[in-house]
Amino acid sequence: MATTIGHQLIAYFKGANEELRKVVWPTKQETIRSTIAVIALSLGAGLFFWLLDLVFNFGLSKLLIK
C-alpha cells in the first residue's frame, strides 16, 4: 500500500506523461529554420551594438581629447 506522498508522486508522473503526449514537436525543417533565424538575429544584434560602441567611443574620445 502506497503512502499519500507515493500517490501524489504517481499522479504527478502520470500527469507529466499526459502533458508530454500533447506536445507538438517541431519538424526537422522547422528546427533548421528557427536555428538560422536565431543565428542571423544574434549576428545582426551583435553587429548593431558593435557599431553603436564604435560611434560612442569615437564621440567620447573627441570630447575628452579637446
PDB file of N, CA and C in Angstrom:
ATOM      1  N   MET A   1       0.848  -1.184   0.000  1.00  0.00           N
ATOM      2  CA  MET A   1       0.000   0.000   0.000  1.00  0.00           C
ATOM      3  C   MET A   1       0.888   1.240   0.000  1.00  0.00           C
ATOM      4  N   ALA A   2       0.591   2.181  -0.869  1.00  0.00           N
ATOM      5  CA  ALA A   2       1.395   3.386  -1.014  1.00  0.00           C
ATOM      6  C   ALA A   2       0.933   4.451  -0.026  1.00  0.00           C
ATOM      7  N   THR A   3       1.881   5.306   0.327  1.00  0.00           N
ATOM      8  CA  THR A   3       1.561   6.417   1.224  1.00  0.00           C
ATOM      9  C   THR A   3       0.923   7.545   0.431  1.00  0.00           C
ATOM     10  N   THR A   4       0.507   8.578   1.137  1.00  0.00           N
ATOM     11  CA  THR A   4      -0.082   9.746   0.483  1.00  0.00           C
ATOM     12  C   THR A   4       0.923  10.389  -0.467  1.00  0.00           C
ATOM     13  N   ILE A   5       2.152  10.503  -0.017  1.00  0.00           N
ATOM     14  CA  ILE A   5       3.199  11.081  -0.866  1.00  0.00           C
ATOM     15  C   ILE A   5       3.425  10.197  -2.092  1.00  0.00           C
ATOM     16  N   GLY A   6       3.360   8.890  -1.910  1.00  0.00           N
ATOM     17  CA  GLY A   6       3.516   7.962  -3.024  1.00  0.00           C
ATOM     18  C   GLY A   6       2.407   8.145  -4.061  1.00  0.00           C
ATOM     19  N   HIS A   7       1.173   8.307  -3.592  1.00  0.00           N
ATOM     20  CA  HIS A   7       0.052   8.534  -4.507  1.00  0.00           C
ATOM     21  C   HIS A   7       0.223   9.855  -5.255  1.00  0.00           C
ATOM     22  N   GLN A   8       0.674  10.882  -4.544  1.00  0.00           N
ATOM     23  CA  GLN A   8       0.884  12.179  -5.182  1.00  0.00           C
ATOM     24  C   GLN A   8       1.992  12.092  -6.230  1.00  0.00           C
ATOM     25  N   LEU A   9       3.030  11.362  -5.925  1.00  0.00           N
ATOM     26  CA  LEU A   9       4.143  11.209  -6.859  1.00  0.00           C
ATOM     27  C   LEU A   9       3.696  10.456  -8.115  1.00  0.00           C
ATOM     28  N   ILE A  10       2.936   9.405  -7.928  1.00  0.00           N
ATOM     29  CA  ILE A  10       2.419   8.636  -9.070  1.00  0.00           C
ATOM     30  C   ILE A  10       1.504   9.518  -9.925  1.00  0.00           C
ATOM     31  N   ALA A  11       0.638  10.289  -9.277  1.00  0.00           N
ATOM     32  CA  ALA A  11      -0.267  11.181 -10.007  1.00  0.00           C
ATOM     33  C   ALA A  11       0.523  12.242 -10.764  1.00  0.00           C
ATOM     34  N   TYR A  12       1.581  12.742 -10.164  1.00  0.00           N
ATOM     35  CA  TYR A  12       2.418  13.746 -10.820  1.00  0.00           C
ATOM     36  C   TYR A  12       3.028  13.180 -12.106  1.00  0.00           C
ATOM     37  N   PHE A  13       3.612  12.003 -12.019  1.00  0.00           N
ATOM     38  CA  PHE A  13       4.251  11.415 -13.202  1.00  0.00           C
ATOM     39  C   PHE A  13       3.234  11.027 -14.272  1.00  0.00           C
ATOM     40  N   LYS A  14       2.063  10.595 -13.868  1.00  0.00           N
ATOM     41  CA  LYS A  14       1.009  10.303 -14.848  1.00  0.00           C
ATOM     42  C   LYS A  14       0.608  11.590 -15.572  1.00  0.00           C
ATOM     43  N   GLY A  15       0.451  12.678 -14.819  1.00  0.00           N
ATOM     44  CA  GLY A  15       0.090  13.965 -15.411  1.00  0.00           C
ATOM     45  C   GLY A  15       1.182  14.484 -16.337  1.00  0.00           C
ATOM     46  N   ALA A  16       2.436  14.328 -15.916  1.00  0.00           N
ATOM     47  CA  ALA A  16       3.553  14.765 -16.753  1.00  0.00           C
ATOM     48  C   ALA A  16       3.594  13.970 -18.050  1.00  0.00           C
ATOM     49  N   ASN A  17       3.336  12.678 -17.975  1.00  0.00           N
ATOM     50  CA  ASN A  17       3.315  11.824 -19.168  1.00  0.00           C
ATOM     51  C   ASN A  17       2.191  12.240 -20.111  1.00  0.00           C
ATOM     52  N   GLU A  18       1.019  12.558 -19.566  1.00  0.00           N
ATOM     53  CA  GLU A  18      -0.098  13.019 -20.399  1.00  0.00           C
ATOM     54  C   GLU A  18       0.241  14.330 -21.100  1.00  0.00           C
ATOM     55  N   GLU A  19       0.873  15.238 -20.398  1.00  0.00           N
ATOM     56  CA  GLU A  19       1.242  16.526 -20.996  1.00  0.00           C
ATOM     57  C   GLU A  19       2.293  16.347 -22.087  1.00  0.00           C
ATOM     58  N   LEU A  20       3.226  15.435 -21.892  1.00  0.00           N
ATOM     59  CA  LEU A  20       4.237  15.187 -22.918  1.00  0.00           C
ATOM     60  C   LEU A  20       3.619  14.635 -24.194  1.00  0.00           C
ATOM     61  N   ARG A  21       2.545  13.889 -24.063  1.00  0.00           N
ATOM     62  CA  ARG A  21       1.859  13.357 -25.250  1.00  0.00           C
ATOM     63  C   ARG A  21       1.162  14.453 -26.037  1.00  0.00           C
ATOM     64  N   LYS A  22       0.823  15.580 -25.377  1.00  0.00           N
ATOM     65  CA  LYS A  22       0.144  16.695 -26.039  1.00  0.00           C
ATOM     66  C   LYS A  22       1.114  17.612 -26.805  1.00  0.00           C
ATOM     67  N   VAL A  23       2.381  17.489 -26.527  1.00  0.00           N
ATOM     68  CA  VAL A  23       3.373  18.374 -27.140  1.00  0.00           C
ATOM     69  C   VAL A  23       3.458  18.107 -28.641  1.00  0.00           C
ATOM     70  N   VAL A  24       3.463  19.188 -29.419  1.00  0.00           N
ATOM     71  CA  VAL A  24       3.657  19.080 -30.862  1.00  0.00           C
ATOM     72  C   VAL A  24       5.114  19.454 -31.126  1.00  0.00           C
ATOM     73  N   TRP A  25       5.927  18.465 -31.423  1.00  0.00           N
ATOM     74  CA  TRP A  25       7.345  18.699 -31.627  1.00  0.00           C
ATOM     75  C   TRP A  25       7.583  19.254 -33.023  1.00  0.00           C
ATOM     76  N   PRO A  26       8.549  20.191 -33.166  1.00  0.00           N
ATOM     77  CA  PRO A  26       8.821  20.762 -34.488  1.00  0.00           C
ATOM     78  C   PRO A  26       9.463  19.729 -35.415  1.00  0.00           C
ATOM     79  N   THR A  27       9.222  19.936 -36.703  1.00  0.00           N
ATOM     80  CA  THR A  27       9.855  19.067 -37.687  1.00  0.00           C
ATOM     81  C   THR A  27      11.318  19.469 -37.830  1.00  0.00           C
ATOM     82  N   LYS A  28      12.077  18.648 -38.543  1.00  0.00           N
ATOM     83  CA  LYS A  28      13.490  18.960 -38.759  1.00  0.00           C
ATOM     84  C   LYS A  28      13.630  20.278 -39.511  1.00  0.00           C
ATOM     85  N   GLN A  29      12.769  20.490 -40.507  1.00  0.00           N
ATOM     86  CA  GLN A  29      12.830  21.720 -41.308  1.00  0.00           C
ATOM     87  C   GLN A  29      12.512  22.945 -40.451  1.00  0.00           C
ATOM     88  N   GLU A  30      11.517  22.848 -39.576  1.00  0.00           N
ATOM     89  CA  GLU A  30      11.173  23.966 -38.689  1.00  0.00           C
ATOM     90  C   GLU A  30      12.324  24.273 -37.728  1.00  0.00           C
ATOM     91  N   THR A  31      12.969  23.236 -37.230  1.00  0.00           N
ATOM     92  CA  THR A  31      14.097  23.418 -36.327  1.00  0.00           C
ATOM     93  C   THR A  31      15.255  24.109 -37.034  1.00  0.00           C
ATOM     94  N   ILE A  32      15.533  23.709 -38.262  1.00  0.00           N
ATOM     95  CA  ILE A  32      16.619  24.322 -39.031  1.00  0.00           C
ATOM     96  C   ILE A  32      16.306  25.792 -39.296  1.00  0.00           C
ATOM     97  N   ARG A  33      15.065  26.091 -39.718  1.00  0.00           N
ATOM     98  CA  ARG A  33      14.669  27.490 -39.983  1.00  0.00           C
ATOM     99  C   ARG A  33      14.778  28.340 -38.724  1.00  0.00           C
ATOM    100  N   SER A  34      14.322  27.816 -37.610  1.00  0.00           N
ATOM    101  CA  SER A  34      14.387  28.566 -36.353  1.00  0.00           C
ATOM    102  C   SER A  34      15.827  28.807 -35.933  1.00  0.00           C
ATOM    103  N   THR A  35      16.676  27.809 -36.104  1.00  0.00           N
ATOM    104  CA  THR A  35      18.083  27.950 -35.744  1.00  0.00           C
ATOM    105  C   THR A  35      18.753  29.013 -36.603  1.00  0.00           C
ATOM    106  N   ILE A  36      18.477  29.004 -37.899  1.00  0.00           N
ATOM    107  CA  ILE A  36      19.056  30.003 -38.801  1.00  0.00           C
ATOM    108  C   ILE A  36      18.571  31.397 -38.410  1.00  0.00           C
ATOM    109  N   ALA A  37      17.291  31.530 -38.072  1.00  0.00           N
ATOM    110  CA  ALA A  37      16.748  32.825 -37.666  1.00  0.00           C
ATOM    111  C   ALA A  37      17.419  33.334 -36.394  1.00  0.00           C
ATOM    112  N   VAL A  38      17.622  32.464 -35.429  1.00  0.00           N
ATOM    113  CA  VAL A  38      18.261  32.864 -34.172  1.00  0.00           C
ATOM    114  C   VAL A  38      19.700  33.300 -34.424  1.00  0.00           C
ATOM    115  N   ILE A  39      20.434  32.550 -35.238  1.00  0.00           N
ATOM    116  CA  ILE A  39      21.820  32.906 -35.536  1.00  0.00           C
ATOM    117  C   ILE A  39      21.884  34.237 -36.278  1.00  0.00           C
ATOM    118  N   ALA A  40      21.007  34.430 -37.277  1.00  0.00           N
ATOM    119  CA  ALA A  40      21.010  35.672 -38.054  1.00  0.00           C
ATOM    120  C   ALA A  40      20.671  36.871 -37.174  1.00  0.00           C
ATOM    121  N   LEU A  41      19.652  36.735 -36.337  1.00  0.00           N
ATOM    122  CA  LEU A  41      19.282  37.844 -35.459  1.00  0.00           C
ATOM    123  C   LEU A  41      20.367  38.136 -34.429  1.00  0.00           C
ATOM    124  N   SER A  42      21.024  37.104 -33.939  1.00  0.00           N
ATOM    125  CA  SER A  42      22.116  37.311 -32.984  1.00  0.00           C
ATOM    126  C   SER A  42      23.286  38.035 -33.636  1.00  0.00           C
ATOM    127  N   LEU A  43      23.620  37.630 -34.846  1.00  0.00           N
ATOM    128  CA  LEU A  43      24.695  38.318 -35.569  1.00  0.00           C
ATOM    129  C   LEU A  43      24.310  39.767 -35.870  1.00  0.00           C
ATOM    130  N   GLY A  44      23.066  39.989 -36.275  1.00  0.00           N
ATOM    131  CA  GLY A  44      22.599  41.348 -36.542  1.00  0.00           C
ATOM    132  C   GLY A  44      22.654  42.224 -35.298  1.00  0.00           C
ATOM    133  N   ALA A  45      22.198  41.710 -34.184  1.00  0.00           N
ATOM    134  CA  ALA A  45      22.227  42.475 -32.938  1.00  0.00           C
ATOM    135  C   ALA A  45      23.672  42.738 -32.512  1.00  0.00           C
ATOM    136  N   GLY A  46      24.531  41.728 -32.654  1.00  0.00           N
ATOM    137  CA  GLY A  46      25.942  41.916 -32.312  1.00  0.00           C
ATOM    138  C   GLY A  46      26.593  42.984 -33.163  1.00  0.00           C
ATOM    139  N   LEU A  47      26.304  42.977 -34.456  1.00  0.00           N
ATOM    140  CA  LEU A  47      26.850  43.981 -35.367  1.00  0.00           C
ATOM    141  C   LEU A  47      26.331  45.373 -35.006  1.00  0.00           C
ATOM    142  N   PHE A  48      25.038  45.472 -34.718  1.00  0.00           N
ATOM    143  CA  PHE A  48      24.449  46.760 -34.338  1.00  0.00           C
ATOM    144  C   PHE A  48      25.128  47.332 -33.094  1.00  0.00           C
ATOM    145  N   PHE A  49      25.268  46.519 -32.052  1.00  0.00           N
ATOM    146  CA  PHE A  49      25.860  47.015 -30.814  1.00  0.00           C
ATOM    147  C   PHE A  49      27.346  47.305 -30.971  1.00  0.00           C
ATOM    148  N   TRP A  50      28.038  46.559 -31.826  1.00  0.00           N
ATOM    149  CA  TRP A  50      29.450  46.842 -32.104  1.00  0.00           C
ATOM    150  C   TRP A  50      29.591  48.204 -32.781  1.00  0.00           C
ATOM    151  N   LEU A  51      28.737  48.470 -33.773  1.00  0.00           N
ATOM    152  CA  LEU A  51      28.776  49.771 -34.446  1.00  0.00           C
ATOM    153  C   LEU A  51      28.385  50.904 -33.493  1.00  0.00           C
ATOM    154  N   LEU A  52      27.388  50.675 -32.659  1.00  0.00           N
ATOM    155  CA  LEU A  52      26.985  51.668 -31.672  1.00  0.00           C
ATOM    156  C   LEU A  52      28.133  51.963 -30.712  1.00  0.00           C
ATOM    157  N   ASP A  53      28.849  50.950 -30.298  1.00  0.00           N
ATOM    158  CA  ASP A  53      30.004  51.118 -29.423  1.00  0.00           C
ATOM    159  C   ASP A  53      31.097  51.934 -30.111  1.00  0.00           C
ATOM    160  N   LEU A  54      31.331  51.668 -31.399  1.00  0.00           N
ATOM    161  CA  LEU A  54      32.332  52.442 -32.137  1.00  0.00           C
ATOM    162  C   LEU A  54      31.949  53.920 -32.197  1.00  0.00           C
ATOM    163  N   VAL A  55      30.683  54.200 -32.453  1.00  0.00           N
ATOM    164  CA  VAL A  55      30.220  55.588 -32.522  1.00  0.00           C
ATOM    165  C   VAL A  55      30.387  56.279 -31.175  1.00  0.00           C
ATOM    166  N   PHE A  56      29.961  55.644 -30.105  1.00  0.00           N
ATOM    167  CA  PHE A  56      30.112  56.239 -28.773  1.00  0.00           C
ATOM    168  C   PHE A  56      31.580  56.411 -28.404  1.00  0.00           C
ATOM    169  N   ASN A  57      32.404  55.426 -28.730  1.00  0.00           N
ATOM    170  CA  ASN A  57      33.828  55.514 -28.441  1.00  0.00           C
ATOM    171  C   ASN A  57      34.454  56.685 -29.184  1.00  0.00           C
ATOM    172  N   PHE A  58      34.102  56.843 -30.459  1.00  0.00           N
ATOM    173  CA  PHE A  58      34.628  57.945 -31.262  1.00  0.00           C
ATOM    174  C   PHE A  58      34.172  59.295 -30.669  1.00  0.00           C
ATOM    175  N   GLY A  59      32.889  59.395 -30.327  1.00  0.00           N
ATOM    176  CA  GLY A  59      32.362  60.648 -29.757  1.00  0.00           C
ATOM    177  C   GLY A  59      32.993  60.987 -28.424  1.00  0.00           C
ATOM    178  N   LEU A  60      33.152  60.017 -27.571  1.00  0.00           N
ATOM    179  CA  LEU A  60      33.776  60.286 -26.267  1.00  0.00           C
ATOM    180  C   LEU A  60      35.239  60.649 -26.406  1.00  0.00           C
ATOM    181  N   SER A  61      35.943  59.997 -27.328  1.00  0.00           N
ATOM    182  CA  SER A  61      37.358  60.319 -27.497  1.00  0.00           C
ATOM    183  C   SER A  61      37.510  61.761 -28.009  1.00  0.00           C
ATOM    184  N   LYS A  62      36.590  62.215 -28.862  1.00  0.00           N
ATOM    185  CA  LYS A  62      36.651  63.607 -29.341  1.00  0.00           C
ATOM    186  C   LYS A  62      36.339  64.586 -28.219  1.00  0.00           C
ATOM    187  N   LEU A  63      35.410  64.251 -27.343  1.00  0.00           N
ATOM    188  CA  LEU A  63      35.070  65.124 -26.223  1.00  0.00           C
ATOM    189  C   LEU A  63      36.195  65.205 -25.192  1.00  0.00           C
ATOM    190  N   LEU A  64      36.833  64.077 -24.916  1.00  0.00           N
ATOM    191  CA  LEU A  64      37.842  64.042 -23.865  1.00  0.00           C
ATOM    192  C   LEU A  64      39.198  64.571 -24.322  1.00  0.00           C
ATOM    193  N   ILE A  65      39.497  64.506 -25.599  1.00  0.00           N
ATOM    194  CA  ILE A  65      40.786  64.976 -26.093  1.00  0.00           C
ATOM    195  C   ILE A  65      40.801  66.500 -26.153  1.00  0.00           C
ATOM    196  N   LYS A  66      39.677  67.129 -26.459  1.00  0.00           N
ATOM    197  CA  LYS A  66      39.616  68.596 -26.536  1.00  0.00           C
ATOM    198  C   LYS A  66      39.717  69.144 -25.190  1.00  0.00           C
TER     199      LYS A  66
END
